[in-house]
Amino acid sequence: MAQRDYYEILGVDRSATPEQIKAAYRRLARKHHPDVSKAKGAAEKFKEATAAYEVLSDPQRRKKYDRFGHAGPADFGFGKPGRGRRYTWTSPRGRPGRSGRGGRADFEDIFASSAFSGMSLEELLASLGGYARGSRWGGPGGAGAPAPAGLEYPITLDFMQAVKGCTTTLELRHPDGSTQRIEVKIPPGVQDGTKVRVRGKGGTSAGGELLIVTRVREHPYFRRDGADIYVELPISLTEAALGGEVAVPTVDGRAAVKIPPGASSGTRLRLRGKGTADPKTGSKGDQYVVLKIVLPREISEEGRKLLSELARTDPYDPRKKVPW
């Protein structure tokens, strides 16, 4: 079955700006995320939208996609977390790529549009399970190539996996060509760029050190700042004026939050200890619920009368104290 066009999946024009692409993805993520929707096919639609966003949000990968489409140079993405991964490339004639001018040129074209874009050769080799940063590359068993001191292995985690921690299975390829599957525990609270050290799995005769470099996907409605979690809570004019109790999502499940009477948009309500753990200290952050007053687009005639009566009996100028 032919793959759907990524622009069609996100519902944007091919001339869409990065901001429009991001907004479209967030809208779809909020609608289809497994934590939000239990509708049939929602999980697949979420995965489809995520795959489209990961390509179109990257300028180089988008450029290649616009030029070649799905049939173009292979996308060396990191795949789903929790599964062993290997990386290979194929020449235009269908044979494994080799060193040499023609093969190298093809590889560079692929490399420019891949998830490895921007990496140095040493970083690329490390991510492929080859030699560590700082080693000289002469190929497995190559003359003059010292044994690597360790490996770097990049993985991509979902937001909740990073917050809660998880166990993932990695497949490592050592310089001698052998492979090894290991289970690694990712501690709660990791962020983009966090390095998780696994001793004794770095590929040297003494074991060395494996560095797991984490990348974290965005969440459809949670936002993170360090160990603190933020979520925006839409409330009605009545709830803002009179106050009340509303259920809100947290990384630990639903929780009740009390809205004080007279609350304004932008007010932050604090839920202590409802953030994520600090991987260094283990202490938990807080969750902040940011209020956003949302008015109905249409108001009945009776509603207009009530609001007019409120303005008459309780006049209030919100701009009275502004500096301008």
Protein backbone atom coordinates (compact mmCIF):
# COMPACT_ATOMS: atom_id res chain seq x y z
CA MET A 1 0.00 0.00 0.00
CA ALA A 2 1.36 3.43 -0.97
CA GLN A 3 2.34 5.72 1.88
CA ARG A 4 0.24 8.82 2.41
CA ASP A 5 1.75 12.20 1.70
CA TYR A 6 3.16 13.73 4.89
CA TYR A 7 1.63 17.12 4.16
CA GLU A 8 -1.76 15.46 3.65
CA ILE A 9 -1.39 13.62 6.96
CA LEU A 10 -0.79 16.88 8.86
CA GLY A 11 -3.39 18.76 6.78
CA VAL A 12 -1.05 21.57 5.69
CA ASP A 13 0.07 23.01 2.36
CA ARG A 14 3.50 22.18 0.96
CA SER A 15 4.41 25.83 1.56
CA ALA A 16 3.51 25.62 5.27
CA THR A 17 5.85 27.35 7.71
CA PRO A 18 7.59 25.42 10.53
CA GLU A 19 5.19 27.06 12.98
CA GLN A 20 2.16 25.88 10.97
CA ILE A 21 3.57 22.35 10.78
CA LYS A 22 4.18 22.30 14.52
CA ALA A 23 0.69 23.62 15.26
CA ALA A 24 -0.89 21.03 12.95
CA TYR A 25 1.01 18.21 14.63
CA ARG A 26 0.06 19.39 18.11
CA ARG A 27 -3.59 19.53 17.07
CA LEU A 28 -3.49 15.97 15.75
CA ALA A 29 -1.47 14.74 18.72
CA ARG A 30 -3.99 16.14 21.16
CA LYS A 31 -6.77 14.44 19.20
CA HIS A 32 -5.23 11.01 18.62
CA HIS A 33 -2.71 10.51 21.44
CA PRO A 34 -3.31 7.13 23.18
CA ASP A 35 -3.54 8.91 26.54
CA VAL A 36 -6.39 11.03 25.18
CA SER A 37 -8.33 9.01 22.61
CA LYS A 38 -9.52 5.42 22.83
CA ALA A 39 -11.13 5.56 19.38
CA LYS A 40 -10.36 2.77 16.93
CA GLY A 41 -7.31 3.61 14.85
CA ALA A 42 -6.30 6.59 17.03
CA ALA A 43 -2.93 5.08 17.93
CA GLU A 44 -2.07 4.46 14.26
CA LYS A 45 -3.09 8.01 13.33
CA PHE A 46 -0.91 9.34 16.13
CA LYS A 47 2.08 7.30 14.90
CA GLU A 48 1.41 8.43 11.34
CA ALA A 49 1.28 12.10 12.37
CA THR A 50 4.45 11.71 14.45
CA ALA A 51 6.33 10.15 11.53
CA ALA A 52 5.21 13.00 9.26
CA TYR A 53 6.21 15.64 11.81
CA GLU A 54 9.65 14.14 12.43
CA VAL A 55 10.44 14.55 8.73
CA LEU A 56 8.74 17.89 7.99
CA SER A 57 10.02 19.59 11.17
CA ASP A 58 13.62 18.95 10.12
CA PRO A 59 14.64 21.40 7.33
CA GLN A 60 17.11 19.00 5.69
CA ARG A 61 14.84 15.97 5.85
CA ARG A 62 11.93 18.06 4.57
CA LYS A 63 14.02 19.30 1.66
CA LYS A 64 14.90 15.74 0.70
CA TYR A 65 11.30 14.61 1.10
CA ASP A 66 10.06 17.46 -1.12
CA ARG A 67 12.58 16.39 -3.73
CA PHE A 68 12.37 12.61 -3.58
CA GLY A 69 9.19 11.77 -1.65
CA HIS A 70 8.90 8.40 0.09
CA ALA A 71 10.89 6.69 -2.63
CA GLY A 72 13.94 8.86 -2.08
CA PRO A 73 17.12 8.25 -0.06
CA ALA A 74 16.64 6.08 3.01
CA ASP A 75 15.77 7.79 6.28
CA PHE A 76 18.13 6.62 8.96
CA GLY A 77 15.75 7.27 11.89
CA PHE A 78 16.39 5.72 15.24
CA GLY A 79 13.17 3.70 15.24
CA LYS A 80 11.04 2.91 18.22
CA PRO A 81 12.58 2.84 21.68
CA GLY A 82 12.77 -0.54 23.31
CA ARG A 83 13.77 -2.51 20.20
CA GLY A 84 17.20 -3.51 19.00
CA ARG A 85 18.31 -1.52 15.96
CA ARG A 86 20.92 -1.91 13.22
CA TYR A 87 21.82 0.59 10.52
CA THR A 88 22.89 -0.22 6.97
CA TRP A 89 22.74 1.53 3.63
CA THR A 90 22.36 0.30 0.08
CA SER A 91 23.91 1.59 -3.11
CA PRO A 92 21.67 2.50 -6.11
CA ARG A 93 22.47 -0.95 -7.62
CA GLY A 94 21.11 -2.70 -4.55
CA ARG A 95 24.51 -3.77 -3.19
CA PRO A 96 25.80 -2.81 0.27
CA GLY A 97 27.66 0.49 0.17
CA ARG A 98 31.44 0.39 0.01
CA SER A 99 34.15 2.94 0.33
CA GLY A 100 35.04 4.74 -2.87
CA ARG A 101 34.00 7.89 -4.66
CA GLY A 102 30.66 6.69 -6.02
CA GLY A 103 29.50 4.95 -2.85
CA ARG A 104 30.66 7.81 -0.66
CA ALA A 105 28.73 10.38 -2.67
CA ASP A 106 25.52 8.33 -2.41
CA PHE A 107 26.05 7.94 1.31
CA GLU A 108 26.51 11.67 1.81
CA ASP A 109 23.23 12.36 0.02
CA ILE A 110 21.46 9.94 2.33
CA PHE A 111 23.30 11.23 5.38
CA ALA A 112 22.23 14.83 4.72
CA SER A 113 18.53 13.93 4.99
CA SER A 114 18.79 11.44 7.84
CA ALA A 115 18.41 11.62 11.60
CA PHE A 116 22.23 11.51 11.73
CA SER A 117 22.50 14.91 10.01
CA GLY A 118 24.87 17.24 11.82
CA MET A 119 26.89 14.44 13.44
CA SER A 120 30.61 14.17 12.98
CA LEU A 121 31.99 10.94 11.53
CA GLU A 122 33.10 9.83 14.99
CA GLU A 123 29.65 10.52 16.42
CA LEU A 124 28.05 8.65 13.52
CA LEU A 125 30.28 5.62 14.07
CA ALA A 126 29.48 5.70 17.78
CA SER A 127 25.73 5.78 17.09
CA LEU A 128 26.12 2.83 14.72
CA GLY A 129 27.77 0.79 17.46
CA GLY A 130 31.27 1.36 16.06
CA TYR A 131 34.19 3.23 17.53
CA ALA A 132 33.85 5.71 20.31
CA ARG A 133 34.45 9.42 20.10
CA GLY A 134 38.15 10.16 20.16
CA SER A 135 39.30 6.86 18.57
CA ARG A 136 41.01 6.54 15.17
CA TRP A 137 38.92 4.63 12.65
CA GLY A 138 40.58 2.00 10.55
CA GLY A 139 37.63 -0.39 10.33
CA PRO A 140 37.18 -3.52 12.44
CA GLY A 141 40.66 -4.91 13.01
CA GLY A 142 42.18 -2.13 10.91
CA ALA A 143 45.89 -1.45 11.31
CA GLY A 144 46.73 1.25 13.82
CA ALA A 145 43.16 1.53 15.16
CA PRO A 146 43.23 1.50 18.97
CA ALA A 147 40.54 -0.28 20.95
CA PRO A 148 37.65 2.17 21.58
CA ALA A 149 37.15 3.53 25.09
CA GLY A 150 33.36 3.33 24.89
CA LEU A 151 30.24 3.80 22.79
CA GLU A 152 27.55 6.43 22.48
CA TYR A 153 24.09 5.17 21.62
CA PRO A 154 21.28 7.68 20.92
CA ILE A 155 17.68 6.65 21.66
CA THR A 156 14.38 8.49 21.33
CA LEU A 157 11.87 8.28 24.19
CA ASP A 158 8.25 9.28 24.50
CA PHE A 159 7.57 12.08 26.99
CA MET A 160 6.11 9.73 29.62
CA GLN A 161 8.96 7.23 29.24
CA ALA A 162 11.38 10.05 30.07
CA VAL A 163 9.29 11.22 33.03
CA LYS A 164 8.62 7.78 34.52
CA GLY A 165 11.73 5.93 33.42
CA CYS A 166 11.68 2.69 31.46
CA THR A 167 13.64 -0.39 30.45
CA THR A 168 14.77 -0.60 26.84
CA THR A 169 16.57 -3.30 24.87
CA LEU A 170 19.56 -2.26 22.76
CA GLU A 171 21.49 -4.21 20.14
CA LEU A 172 25.15 -3.20 20.07
CA ARG A 173 27.62 -3.95 17.32
CA HIS A 174 31.20 -4.23 18.53
CA PRO A 175 34.36 -3.44 16.50
CA ASP A 176 35.00 -7.16 15.92
CA GLY A 177 31.63 -7.45 14.15
CA SER A 178 29.89 -9.27 16.97
CA THR A 179 26.52 -8.10 18.30
CA GLN A 180 25.14 -8.03 21.80
CA ARG A 181 21.62 -7.42 23.14
CA ILE A 182 21.42 -5.74 26.52
CA GLU A 183 18.64 -4.32 28.69
CA VAL A 184 19.18 -0.82 30.02
CA LYS A 185 17.18 0.93 32.72
CA ILE A 186 16.50 4.58 31.93
CA PRO A 187 16.01 6.46 35.22
CA PRO A 188 13.00 8.76 35.74
CA GLY A 189 13.46 12.41 34.83
CA VAL A 190 15.87 12.25 31.88
CA GLN A 191 15.74 15.09 29.37
CA ASP A 192 17.05 15.86 25.87
CA GLY A 193 20.79 15.25 25.90
CA THR A 194 20.89 13.33 29.18
CA LYS A 195 23.66 10.70 29.13
CA VAL A 196 22.95 7.46 30.97
CA ARG A 197 26.16 5.60 31.75
CA VAL A 198 26.27 1.80 31.53
CA ARG A 199 29.61 0.44 32.71
CA GLY A 200 31.22 -2.61 31.19
CA LYS A 201 29.31 -2.45 27.86
CA GLY A 202 31.54 -0.07 25.91
CA GLY A 203 33.18 -2.55 23.58
CA THR A 204 36.74 -2.65 24.92
CA SER A 205 38.54 -5.68 26.24
CA ALA A 206 37.97 -4.23 29.70
CA GLY A 207 34.30 -3.56 28.97
CA GLY A 208 34.48 0.20 28.66
CA GLU A 209 31.52 2.50 29.15
CA LEU A 210 28.31 2.81 27.15
CA LEU A 211 26.69 6.25 27.06
CA ILE A 212 22.97 6.27 26.26
CA VAL A 213 22.12 9.74 24.88
CA THR A 214 18.39 10.45 25.27
CA ARG A 215 16.11 12.44 23.03
CA VAL A 216 12.55 13.14 24.19
CA ARG A 217 9.47 13.66 22.02
CA GLU A 218 7.01 16.45 22.80
CA HIS A 219 3.76 15.68 24.62
CA PRO A 220 0.42 16.86 23.22
CA TYR A 221 -0.45 18.92 26.32
CA PHE A 222 2.25 18.58 29.01
CA ARG A 223 5.25 20.91 28.91
CA ARG A 224 8.34 20.45 31.02
CA ASP A 225 10.78 22.87 32.63
CA GLY A 226 13.44 20.95 34.51
CA ALA A 227 11.62 18.78 37.07
CA ASP A 228 8.43 20.87 36.83
CA ILE A 229 5.47 20.00 34.60
CA TYR A 230 3.10 22.58 33.08
CA VAL A 231 -0.37 22.03 31.65
CA GLU A 232 -2.85 24.61 30.35
CA LEU A 233 -6.39 24.36 31.78
CA PRO A 234 -9.27 25.95 29.83
CA ILE A 235 -11.98 27.30 32.15
CA SER A 236 -15.28 29.09 31.56
CA LEU A 237 -16.08 32.67 32.51
CA THR A 238 -18.35 31.37 35.26
CA GLU A 239 -15.65 29.11 36.70
CA ALA A 240 -13.21 32.01 36.64
CA ALA A 241 -15.64 34.35 38.39
CA LEU A 242 -17.15 31.98 40.96
CA GLY A 243 -14.37 29.44 41.38
CA GLY A 244 -14.87 25.71 41.62
CA GLU A 245 -13.14 22.34 41.49
CA VAL A 246 -11.92 20.83 38.21
CA ALA A 247 -10.17 17.55 37.38
CA VAL A 248 -6.84 17.99 35.60
CA PRO A 249 -4.38 15.50 34.11
CA THR A 250 -1.04 14.90 35.80
CA VAL A 251 1.78 12.51 34.95
CA ASP A 252 0.42 10.30 37.77
CA GLY A 253 -3.24 10.40 36.64
CA ARG A 254 -6.17 12.73 37.28
CA ALA A 255 -6.14 15.14 40.21
CA ALA A 256 -8.60 17.73 41.51
CA VAL A 257 -7.61 21.37 41.53
CA LYS A 258 -9.54 24.22 43.19
CA ILE A 259 -10.01 27.37 41.13
CA PRO A 260 -10.16 30.44 43.37
CA PRO A 261 -13.01 32.92 42.74
CA GLY A 262 -11.95 35.81 40.52
CA ALA A 263 -9.18 33.87 38.77
CA SER A 264 -7.62 35.43 35.66
CA SER A 265 -6.08 33.88 32.56
CA GLY A 266 -2.44 33.08 33.23
CA THR A 267 -2.98 32.30 36.91
CA ARG A 268 -0.76 29.37 37.93
CA LEU A 269 -2.03 26.80 40.42
CA ARG A 270 0.62 24.61 42.04
CA LEU A 271 0.32 20.87 42.66
CA ARG A 272 3.23 19.97 44.95
CA GLY A 273 5.20 16.86 44.11
CA LYS A 274 3.30 16.20 40.87
CA GLY A 275 6.28 16.89 38.61
CA THR A 276 9.02 14.51 37.55
CA ALA A 277 12.05 13.31 39.45
CA ASP A 278 15.43 14.98 39.24
CA PRO A 279 17.69 12.13 37.99
CA LYS A 280 20.59 13.47 40.07
CA THR A 281 18.88 14.08 43.43
CA GLY A 282 15.72 11.97 43.09
CA SER A 283 13.59 14.84 44.45
CA LYS A 284 10.33 15.51 42.59
CA GLY A 285 9.28 18.77 41.04
CA ASP A 286 5.81 20.30 40.96
CA GLN A 287 3.05 20.59 38.40
CA TYR A 288 1.70 24.00 37.48
CA VAL A 289 -1.81 24.35 36.11
CA VAL A 290 -2.02 27.51 33.99
CA LEU A 291 -5.57 28.86 33.72
CA LYS A 292 -6.94 30.03 30.38
CA ILE A 293 -10.39 31.61 30.25
CA VAL A 294 -12.25 30.47 27.13
CA LEU A 295 -15.45 32.26 26.09
CA PRO A 296 -18.18 30.70 23.97
CA ARG A 297 -18.31 31.84 20.36
CA GLU A 298 -22.07 32.18 20.48
CA ILE A 299 -24.16 33.56 23.37
CA SER A 300 -27.92 33.32 23.59
CA GLU A 301 -30.07 36.39 23.96
CA GLU A 302 -30.79 35.46 27.56
CA GLY A 303 -27.06 35.10 28.21
CA ARG A 304 -26.40 38.54 26.78
CA LYS A 305 -28.99 40.03 29.11
CA LEU A 306 -27.41 38.34 32.11
CA LEU A 307 -23.95 39.59 31.16
CA SER A 308 -25.27 43.10 30.62
CA GLU A 309 -26.90 42.95 34.04
CA LEU A 310 -23.59 41.78 35.55
CA ALA A 311 -21.77 44.72 33.94
CA ARG A 312 -24.35 47.08 35.42
CA THR A 313 -24.41 45.68 38.94
CA ASP A 314 -20.70 44.85 39.23
CA PRO A 315 -18.79 47.29 37.02
CA TYR A 316 -15.10 46.48 36.70
CA ASP A 317 -12.30 47.97 34.59
CA PRO A 318 -9.45 45.46 34.15
CA ARG A 319 -7.28 48.18 32.55
CA LYS A 320 -7.52 50.58 35.47
CA LYS A 321 -4.01 49.90 36.80
CA VAL A 322 -2.12 49.22 33.58
CA PRO A 323 0.89 51.54 33.05
CA TRP A 324 -0.24 52.74 29.64
